[in-house]
C-alpha cells in the first residue's frame, strides 16, 4: 500500500546519528511537527537536531489527505460539547495562524498549494442535524461559514456547511522543502535513527538512547505521532485510529473543493493536480487500530463507492494512515510532565495534523523561547478540572482493558497449528513461553512473539497491510516483527522464519 504522494517524489537518503553527539534540543520525529519545530528553533538561534526513525515522509504526514482547513468535519461541535466557546475560539485561532504560516511558507518557497473551499456534507437527511450544529457552533465562534442546500457533486449531498479560502497541498514536496530549509540553517537531520528511551543524566541532561547509541540534549521534543515515552500516560488519553485512502485517474472533471461527510461511514474527497490530469482522492472507513479484522474490505468499499459515483475511475493506489484522537477532543502540545520542560511533546491532532501540527510546533518553540501564543491553553497537556472528558477517557480505557483480556484469553485457547498460513494471512496461537504470531508474506513464513513490547497486548493480523497491530494503543509491526508505529519502541522478537511454497491453510 503506497501513498500517491510518494510514488514520484524522490527524497534524499540521510545518514543515521552518530553516538556521543550533544545538542541543546533534540527533536524526535521528522514529520511536519518535527520539521517545523526544528526550523523555528533554528530561526531563533537554538542549536538542535532531528532524529527520524525511518525516512522523511514515511510517517503520518506523508500518508495524509493533506487538507489544510479550519472546517474539520464535525470537530467544532465535538470540542464545544466538552469545552467553553472561549476554548473553541482559541483552537480555531491556533489553526488559523498555522494555516497562514503554511500558506506563506509554501508561496515563498514555490511549494504548490491550492486554494479550495471546504465542505462538511450530509450524505442523507439523517446527517443534516450534524451539519446544522457544525454551522451554528462555528458561526457562534466567529468563523464565516455558510449553509448550502445542494452541491454540484456526483455523490449524494443533502446539505452542507461551507468555508471558503482553505487550502490543500501535496505533503511530500512540502516535507522535502522543509527538510532542506532546516538543513540550510545548519541543523542536521538523521534518518534511520529510532529512539528507544530517554533518561536523565547529570545536571538534568537528557540521555537519548537510539538504535545506534546515546545522544545528549538539554531538551527533547517528541514529535512522534503518539509519545514514545509512557511518562505522563498519554497513551491512555489517546485513541489510535487507522483510516484508508484510495487514488484514481478520471477522464471527467472532478468537483472542486474538499469534502468530508458529517456521519458514518466517513467519505473524504479531494482532487490532486497532476500534469496528466487531475487525480481523485477518496478516503474513509476509519477504525481503532487492531480492532478490525476486515481491513481489506475497508479498502474495497472505498473502491466500490467510487465506482458507483465516478464511473470510469481507474484505481491507481491505496494506502492507510494512522492518527491519534484525544479523549478530551483538544490536542496536546507542551510538557510531558507537569512543571517540567526538559521533555516536550505534540500529539492528538485527530486527523487534522497539517494545521494542528504546525500550531503545536509554534507553541513548543514559544515555550522554549518564552513567547507562548495567546491560544496555548487550547493545546495544554495538563488541564485541571476537565471533568467532561473523564467519561470518554474511561470508555476508551475500558475498551483497552477488554482488548487486553480477550487477546490473552484467545491466545491461551488457540492450540498450536503445524499448517503453514496461506499467503497474506496470519494467526496467533498458544506457545511457550509466550503466545506466537505466525504469518506468510511473499513466500516467507515468520513466527514472532505475539506480545506487544509496549504494555503486553496481544497483536492481531491486519490483512490489508500485512502487519501485526496492537489493539491496545496502536503499535504496529511488520510481518517479520519490525516496528512500524509506536508507542512501542522495540520490535517483536522473531522466533522462526522460513521460505515456503503456497500452503493450504487460510487464517485471519
Protein backbone atom coordinates (compact mmCIF):
# COMPACT_ATOMS: atom_id res chain seq x y z
CA UNK A 1 0.00 0.00 0.00
CA UNK A 2 1.80 3.07 -1.30
CA UNK A 3 0.63 6.68 -0.82
CA UNK A 4 0.08 8.54 -4.09
CA UNK A 5 2.34 11.30 -2.78
CA UNK A 6 5.44 9.08 -2.52
CA UNK A 7 5.24 7.35 -5.89
CA UNK A 8 7.03 10.05 -7.90
CA UNK A 9 8.62 12.24 -5.20
CA UNK A 10 12.30 11.34 -4.78
CA UNK A 11 13.81 12.19 -1.41
CA UNK A 12 17.49 12.12 -0.43
CA UNK A 13 18.76 9.41 1.90
CA UNK A 14 20.36 10.77 5.07
CA UNK A 15 22.87 9.19 7.44
CA UNK A 16 21.92 7.80 10.83
CA UNK A 17 23.00 9.55 14.01
CA UNK A 18 26.47 9.11 15.47
CA UNK A 19 26.55 8.30 19.22
CA UNK A 20 28.18 10.77 21.58
CA UNK A 21 26.82 13.94 19.97
CA UNK A 22 25.19 16.67 22.06
CA UNK A 23 22.63 19.34 21.15
CA UNK A 24 20.66 21.96 23.01
CA UNK A 25 17.40 20.46 21.68
CA UNK A 26 16.77 17.08 20.07
CA UNK A 27 13.59 16.83 18.00
CA UNK A 28 12.41 13.23 17.74
CA UNK A 29 10.31 12.76 14.60
CA UNK A 30 10.78 14.09 11.09
CA UNK A 31 7.16 14.71 10.13
CA UNK A 32 5.51 18.12 9.84
CA UNK A 33 5.56 18.91 13.56
CA UNK A 34 9.20 17.91 13.96
CA UNK A 35 10.50 19.75 10.90
CA UNK A 36 8.58 22.96 11.62
CA UNK A 37 9.79 22.83 15.23
CA UNK A 38 13.40 22.44 14.09
CA UNK A 39 13.08 25.26 11.56
CA UNK A 40 11.57 27.67 14.10
CA UNK A 41 14.26 26.76 16.64
CA UNK A 42 16.95 27.40 14.04
CA UNK A 43 15.43 30.80 13.27
CA UNK A 44 15.67 31.58 16.99
CA UNK A 45 19.34 30.56 17.01
CA UNK A 46 18.79 27.40 19.07
CA UNK A 47 21.19 24.52 18.39
CA UNK A 48 19.19 21.41 17.58
CA UNK A 49 18.99 18.23 15.51
CA UNK A 50 16.22 15.97 14.18
CA UNK A 51 16.08 12.21 14.76
CA UNK A 52 13.78 10.33 12.38
CA UNK A 53 13.21 6.59 12.88
CA UNK A 54 12.74 5.92 9.16
CA UNK A 55 12.73 8.29 6.19
CA UNK A 56 11.35 11.81 5.90
CA UNK A 57 7.73 11.48 4.74
CA UNK A 58 7.35 7.83 5.73
CA UNK A 59 5.01 8.62 8.64
CA UNK A 60 1.55 10.13 9.03
CA UNK A 61 2.24 13.42 7.22
CA UNK A 62 3.30 11.64 4.05
CA UNK A 63 0.17 9.48 4.12
CA UNK A 64 -2.42 12.15 4.96
CA UNK A 65 -5.15 13.70 2.81
CA UNK A 66 -3.15 16.95 3.21
CA UNK A 67 -6.19 19.18 3.66
CA UNK A 68 -5.48 22.48 5.40
CA UNK A 69 -8.78 23.64 6.81
CA UNK A 70 -10.46 25.17 9.84
CA UNK A 71 -13.66 23.33 8.85
CA UNK A 72 -12.78 19.86 10.09
CA UNK A 73 -15.76 17.61 9.64
CA UNK A 74 -17.75 17.90 12.89
CA UNK A 75 -14.75 18.64 15.14
CA UNK A 76 -16.05 22.03 16.30
CA UNK A 77 -19.22 20.62 17.84
CA UNK A 78 -17.26 17.77 19.41
CA UNK A 79 -14.90 20.26 21.05
CA UNK A 80 -17.75 22.54 22.10
CA UNK A 81 -19.54 19.68 23.88
CA UNK A 82 -16.58 19.31 26.24
CA UNK A 83 -15.19 22.85 26.40
CA UNK A 84 -16.19 26.50 26.50
CA UNK A 85 -16.70 28.70 23.46
CA UNK A 86 -13.57 30.58 24.52
CA UNK A 87 -11.56 27.36 24.26
CA UNK A 88 -13.03 26.58 20.84
CA UNK A 89 -12.12 30.08 19.67
CA UNK A 90 -8.55 29.52 20.91
CA UNK A 91 -8.39 26.23 19.00
CA UNK A 92 -9.63 27.89 15.82
CA UNK A 93 -7.19 30.77 16.24
CA UNK A 94 -4.31 28.31 16.55
CA UNK A 95 -5.43 26.56 13.36
CA UNK A 96 -5.90 29.88 11.55
CA UNK A 97 -2.37 31.03 12.39
CA UNK A 98 -0.98 27.64 11.38
CA UNK A 99 -2.84 27.84 8.05
CA UNK A 100 -1.48 31.31 7.38
CA UNK A 101 2.07 30.23 8.26
CA UNK A 102 1.86 27.20 5.97
CA UNK A 103 0.41 29.21 3.11
CA UNK A 104 3.11 31.86 3.42
CA UNK A 105 5.85 29.22 3.65
CA UNK A 106 4.63 27.38 0.55
CA UNK A 107 4.18 30.53 -1.51
CA UNK A 108 7.61 31.91 -0.58
CA UNK A 109 9.39 28.59 -1.37
CA UNK A 110 7.47 27.72 -4.56
CA UNK A 111 5.73 24.74 -3.00
CA UNK A 112 2.49 24.21 -4.91
CA UNK A 113 -0.53 24.92 -2.72
CA UNK A 114 -4.10 25.25 -3.96
CA UNK A 115 -6.90 27.36 -2.52
CA UNK A 116 -10.09 25.33 -2.09
CA UNK A 117 -13.43 25.61 -0.37
CA UNK A 118 -14.01 23.10 2.42
CA UNK A 119 -17.35 21.31 2.88
CA UNK A 120 -18.78 19.18 5.67
CA UNK A 121 -21.72 17.49 3.96
CA UNK A 122 -24.69 15.32 4.87
CA UNK A 123 -24.80 12.04 2.99
CA UNK A 124 -28.54 11.76 3.77
CA UNK A 125 -31.26 13.64 5.61
CA UNK A 126 -30.33 11.97 8.90
CA UNK A 127 -26.94 13.73 8.86
CA UNK A 128 -28.42 17.19 8.32
CA UNK A 129 -28.73 17.85 12.05
CA UNK A 130 -24.97 17.38 12.49
CA UNK A 131 -24.30 19.74 9.57
CA UNK A 132 -26.53 22.41 11.09
CA UNK A 133 -24.90 22.01 14.53
CA UNK A 134 -21.47 22.46 12.99
CA UNK A 135 -22.67 25.59 11.24
CA UNK A 136 -24.20 27.02 14.42
CA UNK A 137 -21.15 26.29 16.57
CA UNK A 138 -18.68 27.74 14.08
CA UNK A 139 -20.79 30.86 13.43
CA UNK A 140 -21.01 31.47 17.18
CA UNK A 141 -17.21 31.13 17.35
CA UNK A 142 -16.81 33.77 14.62
CA UNK A 143 -15.95 31.63 11.58
CA UNK A 144 -17.57 32.85 8.29
CA UNK A 145 -19.21 29.54 7.36
CA UNK A 146 -22.41 29.27 5.33
CA UNK A 147 -25.11 26.64 4.88
CA UNK A 148 -25.72 25.34 1.37
CA UNK A 149 -28.55 23.12 0.20
CA UNK A 150 -27.18 21.29 -2.82
CA UNK A 151 -23.75 20.84 -4.35
CA UNK A 152 -22.61 20.06 -7.87
CA UNK A 153 -21.22 16.64 -6.98
CA UNK A 154 -21.92 13.20 -8.46
CA UNK A 155 -22.30 11.68 -4.98
CA UNK A 156 -25.44 12.47 -2.95
CA UNK A 157 -25.43 15.59 -0.75
CA UNK A 158 -28.46 16.50 1.36
CA UNK A 159 -26.88 19.74 2.56
CA UNK A 160 -23.53 21.10 3.68
CA UNK A 161 -21.65 23.73 5.62
CA UNK A 162 -19.04 25.58 3.56
CA UNK A 163 -15.90 27.51 4.49
CA UNK A 164 -14.10 29.33 1.70
CA UNK A 165 -10.40 30.15 1.21
CA UNK A 166 -8.93 26.98 2.66
CA UNK A 167 -6.01 25.04 1.16
CA UNK A 168 -4.72 21.69 0.02
CA UNK A 169 -1.19 20.54 -0.76
CA UNK A 170 0.95 17.59 -1.76
CA UNK A 171 2.67 16.81 1.57
CA UNK A 172 5.86 15.28 0.13
CA UNK A 173 7.19 18.41 -1.65
CA UNK A 174 6.26 20.34 1.48
CA UNK A 175 8.29 17.99 3.70
CA UNK A 176 11.16 17.88 1.22
CA UNK A 177 11.45 21.68 1.11
CA UNK A 178 11.03 21.96 4.88
CA UNK A 179 13.84 19.46 5.44
CA UNK A 180 16.11 21.32 3.01
CA UNK A 181 15.30 24.60 4.76
CA UNK A 182 16.14 23.05 8.14
CA UNK A 183 19.47 21.79 6.84
CA UNK A 184 20.26 25.13 5.23
CA UNK A 185 20.32 26.56 8.78
CA UNK A 186 22.99 24.04 9.74
CA UNK A 187 20.55 21.74 11.55
CA UNK A 188 21.31 18.05 10.89
CA UNK A 189 18.53 15.55 10.15
CA UNK A 190 19.38 11.95 10.99
CA UNK A 191 17.30 9.22 9.36
CA UNK A 192 17.07 5.54 10.33
CA UNK A 193 17.68 6.63 13.92
CA UNK A 194 14.83 5.28 16.08
CA UNK A 195 14.78 6.39 19.71
CA UNK A 196 14.42 3.61 22.29
CA UNK A 197 14.35 5.54 25.56
CA UNK A 198 15.16 8.83 27.26
CA UNK A 199 16.70 9.05 30.74
CA UNK A 200 18.10 11.81 32.94
CA UNK A 201 21.85 12.31 33.19
CA UNK A 202 23.89 14.66 35.35
CA UNK A 203 22.65 18.23 35.64
CA UNK A 204 19.25 17.37 34.10
CA UNK A 205 20.92 16.44 30.82
CA UNK A 206 18.75 14.09 28.78
CA UNK A 207 20.32 10.86 27.55
CA UNK A 208 18.56 9.81 24.36
CA UNK A 209 19.09 6.13 23.60
CA UNK A 210 18.91 5.45 19.86
CA UNK A 211 19.42 2.26 17.89
CA UNK A 212 22.99 3.49 17.24
CA UNK A 213 23.94 4.70 20.70
CA UNK A 214 23.32 7.56 23.12
CA UNK A 215 22.90 11.22 22.10
CA UNK A 216 22.64 14.01 24.70
CA UNK A 217 20.48 17.12 24.88
CA UNK A 218 19.17 19.65 27.36
CA UNK A 219 15.64 19.33 25.95
CA UNK A 220 13.87 16.62 23.97
CA UNK A 221 10.82 17.30 21.79
CA UNK A 222 8.68 14.25 20.99
CA UNK A 223 7.03 14.79 17.61
CA UNK A 224 6.30 11.12 17.07
CA UNK A 225 2.56 10.90 16.43
CA UNK A 226 1.99 9.38 19.84
CA UNK A 227 4.57 9.93 22.60
CA UNK A 228 7.08 7.07 22.72
CA UNK A 229 7.62 7.61 26.45
CA UNK A 230 4.98 6.39 28.90
CA UNK A 231 5.68 9.10 31.46
CA UNK A 232 2.55 11.24 31.61
CA UNK A 233 0.31 8.39 30.49
CA UNK A 234 -0.62 9.97 27.17
CA UNK A 235 -1.20 6.52 25.69
CA UNK A 236 -4.28 6.40 27.94
CA UNK A 237 -5.51 9.79 26.71
CA UNK A 238 -5.36 9.00 23.01
CA UNK A 239 -7.31 6.63 20.75
CA UNK A 240 -5.18 5.33 17.84
CA UNK A 241 -7.12 5.33 14.58
CA UNK A 242 -6.38 3.82 11.19
CA UNK A 243 -8.11 5.14 8.06
CA UNK A 244 -7.84 4.28 4.38
CA UNK A 245 -7.27 6.27 1.21
CA UNK A 246 -7.55 5.47 -2.49
CA UNK A 247 -6.48 7.40 -5.59
CA UNK A 248 -7.97 7.30 -9.10
CA UNK A 249 -7.41 8.64 -12.58
CA UNK A 250 -10.53 10.18 -14.14
CA UNK A 251 -11.23 11.43 -17.63
CA UNK A 252 -14.20 13.52 -16.45
CA UNK A 253 -13.85 16.75 -14.42
CA UNK A 254 -13.55 16.34 -10.63
CA UNK A 255 -15.68 18.52 -8.33
CA UNK A 256 -13.66 21.42 -6.94
CA UNK A 257 -13.34 21.67 -3.18
CA UNK A 258 -12.51 19.44 -0.23
CA UNK A 259 -15.34 17.30 1.13
CA UNK A 260 -15.85 15.23 4.27
CA UNK A 261 -19.08 13.62 5.42
CA UNK A 262 -20.74 14.54 8.70
CA UNK A 263 -21.63 10.93 9.53
CA UNK A 264 -20.53 7.35 9.09
CA UNK A 265 -19.15 5.72 7.08
CA UNK A 266 -16.80 8.64 6.55
CA UNK A 267 -16.15 9.75 2.99
CA UNK A 268 -13.37 12.25 2.39
CA UNK A 269 -12.94 13.57 -1.15
CA UNK A 270 -10.47 15.94 -2.79
CA UNK A 271 -8.66 16.35 -6.09
CA UNK A 272 -4.93 16.29 -6.76
CA UNK A 273 -3.47 18.42 -9.57
CA UNK A 274 -1.42 16.29 -11.94
CA UNK A 275 0.34 17.01 -15.27
CA UNK A 276 -1.66 14.20 -16.89
CA UNK A 277 -4.98 15.44 -15.49
CA UNK A 278 -6.45 15.64 -12.03
CA UNK A 279 -6.40 12.68 -9.69
CA UNK A 280 -9.30 11.88 -7.35
CA UNK A 281 -8.59 11.03 -3.71
CA UNK A 282 -11.26 9.20 -1.68
CA UNK A 283 -10.74 8.21 1.95
CA UNK A 284 -12.64 6.94 4.96
CA UNK A 285 -13.66 3.74 6.80
CA UNK A 286 -11.54 4.50 9.85
CA UNK A 287 -11.39 2.27 12.92
CA UNK A 288 -9.43 1.86 16.13
CA UNK A 289 -6.07 0.24 15.35
CA UNK A 290 -6.04 -3.54 15.77
CA UNK A 291 -9.80 -3.85 16.32
CA UNK A 292 -10.92 -4.51 12.76
CA UNK A 293 -10.32 -7.86 11.05
CA UNK A 294 -11.88 -6.87 7.72
CA UNK A 295 -9.31 -4.25 6.74
CA UNK A 296 -9.11 -5.40 3.12
CA UNK A 297 -12.88 -4.92 2.87
CA UNK A 298 -12.46 -1.33 4.13
CA UNK A 299 -10.36 -0.54 1.06
CA UNK A 300 -12.68 -2.48 -1.25
CA UNK A 301 -15.68 -0.47 -0.01
CA UNK A 302 -13.97 2.79 -0.97
CA UNK A 303 -13.27 1.45 -4.45
CA UNK A 304 -16.88 0.28 -4.82
CA UNK A 305 -18.24 3.63 -3.64
CA UNK A 306 -16.01 5.49 -6.09
CA UNK A 307 -17.01 3.24 -8.99
CA UNK A 308 -20.68 3.94 -8.19
CA UNK A 309 -20.42 7.73 -8.17
CA UNK A 310 -17.45 8.25 -10.51
CA UNK A 311 -17.95 5.71 -13.32
CA UNK A 312 -14.79 5.16 -15.30
CA UNK A 313 -12.46 5.96 -12.38
CA UNK A 314 -9.27 3.92 -12.71
CA UNK A 315 -7.70 2.92 -9.37
CA UNK A 316 -4.07 3.99 -9.05
CA UNK A 317 -3.10 3.05 -5.50
CA UNK A 318 -4.44 2.64 -1.98
CA UNK A 319 -2.90 3.15 1.44
CA UNK A 320 -3.70 3.94 5.06
CA UNK A 321 -2.65 6.43 7.70
CA UNK A 322 -2.55 6.46 11.48
CA UNK A 323 -3.77 9.31 13.67
CA UNK A 324 -4.47 9.82 17.35
CA UNK A 325 -7.76 11.17 18.68
CA UNK A 326 -7.59 12.79 22.14
CA UNK A 327 -10.26 11.56 24.54
CA UNK A 328 -10.80 15.20 25.60
CA UNK A 329 -11.08 16.35 21.95
CA UNK A 330 -8.37 19.06 22.17
CA UNK A 331 -4.80 18.33 21.00
CA UNK A 332 -1.72 18.36 23.23
CA UNK A 333 1.45 20.43 22.91
CA UNK A 334 3.68 21.16 25.88
CA UNK A 335 5.36 19.44 28.79
CA UNK A 336 5.36 15.65 29.10
CA UNK A 337 5.16 16.05 32.90
CA UNK A 338 3.59 18.99 34.75
CA UNK A 339 6.00 21.81 35.52
CA UNK A 340 8.95 20.18 33.74
CA UNK A 341 10.22 21.42 30.38
CA UNK A 342 13.08 19.01 29.66
CA UNK A 343 10.76 16.76 27.59
CA UNK A 344 8.03 18.32 25.43
CA UNK A 345 5.53 16.72 23.06
CA UNK A 346 2.94 17.36 20.38
CA UNK A 347 0.15 14.84 19.73
CA UNK A 348 -3.60 14.24 19.43
CA UNK A 349 -4.31 16.05 16.16
CA UNK A 350 -7.41 13.93 15.37
CA UNK A 351 -6.60 13.65 11.64
CA UNK A 352 -6.09 17.41 11.16
CA UNK A 353 -2.33 17.50 11.57
CA UNK A 354 -1.45 19.97 8.84
CA UNK A 355 -2.87 22.77 10.95
CA UNK A 356 -2.61 21.28 14.42
CA UNK A 357 0.93 20.02 13.84
CA UNK A 358 2.16 23.44 12.75
CA UNK A 359 0.34 25.09 15.66
CA UNK A 360 1.92 22.61 18.06
CA UNK A 361 5.39 23.41 16.68
CA UNK A 362 4.86 27.14 17.25
CA UNK A 363 3.66 26.51 20.80
CA UNK A 364 6.60 24.22 21.63
CA UNK A 365 9.12 26.71 20.32
CA UNK A 366 7.28 29.50 22.12
CA UNK A 367 7.55 27.55 25.36
CA UNK A 368 11.30 27.14 24.86
CA UNK A 369 11.88 30.78 23.91
CA UNK A 370 9.47 32.42 26.34
CA UNK A 371 6.94 33.54 23.72
CA UNK A 372 3.93 31.32 24.33
CA UNK A 373 0.99 32.05 21.97
CA UNK A 374 -2.23 33.51 23.37
CA UNK A 375 -4.15 30.38 22.32
CA UNK A 376 -1.81 27.95 24.12
CA UNK A 377 -4.43 26.80 26.65
CA UNK A 378 -6.30 25.01 23.86
CA UNK A 379 -3.25 22.71 23.49
CA UNK A 380 -2.44 22.34 27.20
CA UNK A 381 -1.01 18.94 28.10
CA UNK A 382 -2.34 19.20 31.65
CA UNK A 383 -5.75 20.71 32.39
CA UNK A 384 -7.28 20.90 35.87
CA UNK A 385 -10.95 20.07 36.38
CA UNK A 386 -11.53 18.71 32.87
CA UNK A 387 -14.40 16.56 34.18
CA UNK A 388 -16.38 16.48 30.93
CA UNK A 389 -13.60 14.49 29.28
CA UNK A 390 -13.47 11.85 32.04
CA UNK A 391 -16.31 9.61 30.74
CA UNK A 392 -14.71 9.41 27.28
CA UNK A 393 -11.33 8.56 28.81
CA UNK A 394 -12.92 5.86 30.98
CA UNK A 395 -14.71 4.36 27.97
CA UNK A 396 -11.52 4.35 25.91
CA UNK A 397 -9.51 2.64 28.62
CA UNK A 398 -12.31 0.17 29.36
CA UNK A 399 -12.01 -0.81 25.71
CA UNK A 400 -8.26 -1.23 26.15
CA UNK A 401 -8.80 -3.48 29.20
CA UNK A 402 -11.31 -5.58 27.27
CA UNK A 403 -8.89 -6.00 24.36
CA UNK A 404 -6.09 -6.95 26.75
CA UNK A 405 -8.20 -9.65 28.43
CA UNK A 406 -9.75 -11.06 25.27
CA UNK A 407 -6.38 -11.10 23.50
CA UNK A 408 -4.69 -13.19 26.16
CA UNK A 409 -7.73 -15.44 26.57
CA UNK A 410 -7.94 -16.02 22.84
CA UNK A 411 -4.22 -16.80 22.63
CA UNK A 412 -4.50 -19.26 25.51
CA UNK A 413 -7.34 -21.08 23.75
CA UNK A 414 -5.66 -21.20 20.32
CA UNK A 415 -3.87 -24.52 20.12
CA UNK A 416 -0.61 -24.63 18.10
CA UNK A 417 -1.15 -25.41 14.42
CA UNK A 418 1.51 -27.09 12.29
CA UNK A 419 -0.06 -25.98 8.99
CA UNK A 420 1.60 -23.05 7.23
CA UNK A 421 -0.63 -19.96 6.96
CA UNK A 422 -1.72 -19.20 3.42
CA UNK A 423 -0.02 -16.31 1.61
CA UNK A 424 -1.05 -12.96 3.10
CA UNK A 425 -2.61 -14.43 6.24
CA UNK A 426 -1.58 -14.73 9.87
CA UNK A 427 -2.70 -16.29 13.14
CA UNK A 428 -1.97 -16.08 16.87
CA UNK A 429 -1.64 -19.30 18.86
CA UNK A 430 -0.65 -20.70 22.21
CA UNK A 431 3.11 -21.06 22.59
CA UNK A 432 5.65 -21.16 25.39
CA UNK A 433 6.99 -19.01 26.94
CA UNK A 434 4.60 -16.51 25.25
CA UNK A 435 1.90 -16.56 22.55
CA UNK A 436 3.24 -16.68 18.99
CA UNK A 437 2.14 -14.83 15.85
CA UNK A 438 2.76 -16.65 12.56
CA UNK A 439 2.22 -15.21 9.09
CA UNK A 440 3.19 -15.84 5.48
CA UNK A 441 4.14 -12.86 3.31
CA UNK A 442 5.86 -13.05 -0.10
CA UNK A 443 6.53 -16.75 0.35
CA UNK A 444 8.24 -16.39 3.73
CA UNK A 445 6.62 -17.75 6.86
CA UNK A 446 7.71 -15.99 10.04
CA UNK A 447 6.82 -16.57 13.68
CA UNK A 448 7.29 -13.72 16.12
CA UNK A 449 6.22 -13.03 19.67
CA UNK A 450 2.54 -12.04 19.76
CA UNK A 451 3.10 -9.84 22.83
CA UNK A 452 3.43 -6.11 22.12
CA UNK A 453 6.54 -4.80 23.95
CA UNK A 454 4.67 -1.64 24.98
CA UNK A 455 2.12 -2.89 27.52
CA UNK A 456 1.83 -6.59 26.67
CA UNK A 457 -1.23 -6.54 24.45
CA UNK A 458 -1.71 -9.43 22.04
CA UNK A 459 -1.28 -8.30 18.44
CA UNK A 460 -3.78 -9.05 15.66
CA UNK A 461 -3.21 -9.67 11.95
CA UNK A 462 -4.07 -6.83 9.57
CA UNK A 463 -4.70 -8.49 6.18
CA UNK A 464 -4.84 -5.26 4.15
CA UNK A 465 -1.41 -4.11 5.27
CA UNK A 466 0.06 -7.50 6.18
CA UNK A 467 1.09 -6.27 9.58
CA UNK A 468 0.65 -7.15 13.24
CA UNK A 469 -1.34 -4.43 15.02
CA UNK A 470 -1.77 -3.99 18.77
CA UNK A 471 -5.40 -3.25 19.74
CA UNK A 472 -4.38 -1.52 22.99
CA UNK A 473 -2.54 1.64 21.97
CA UNK A 474 -1.85 1.28 18.26
CA UNK A 475 1.69 -0.08 17.98
CA UNK A 476 2.21 -1.81 14.63
CA UNK A 477 4.78 -4.30 13.38
CA UNK A 478 5.74 -5.77 10.01
CA UNK A 479 5.26 -9.48 9.37
CA UNK A 480 8.88 -10.09 10.41
CA UNK A 481 8.28 -8.24 13.70
CA UNK A 482 9.98 -4.96 12.72
CA UNK A 483 8.47 -1.94 14.44
CA UNK A 484 6.33 0.25 12.17
CA UNK A 485 4.49 2.56 14.61
CA UNK A 486 4.75 3.43 18.32
CA UNK A 487 4.21 3.87 21.22
CA UNK A 488 6.29 0.68 21.31
CA UNK A 489 9.97 1.40 20.79
CA UNK A 490 11.17 -2.14 20.04
CA UNK A 491 10.30 -4.81 17.51
CA UNK A 492 8.58 -8.12 18.18
CA UNK A 493 11.25 -10.80 18.85
CA UNK A 494 11.44 -13.21 15.94
CA UNK A 495 11.02 -16.89 16.81
CA UNK A 496 11.33 -18.61 13.41
CA UNK A 497 11.47 -17.71 9.73
CA UNK A 498 11.47 -19.87 6.61
CA UNK A 499 10.69 -19.66 2.91
CA UNK A 500 7.76 -21.76 1.85
CA UNK A 501 5.64 -22.66 -1.13
CA UNK A 502 1.93 -21.95 -1.10
CA UNK A 503 0.24 -23.85 1.72
CA UNK A 504 -3.38 -24.85 2.12
CA UNK A 505 -4.45 -23.26 5.37
CA UNK A 506 -6.10 -19.82 5.48
CA UNK A 507 -6.03 -17.90 8.73
CA UNK A 508 -7.03 -14.50 9.97
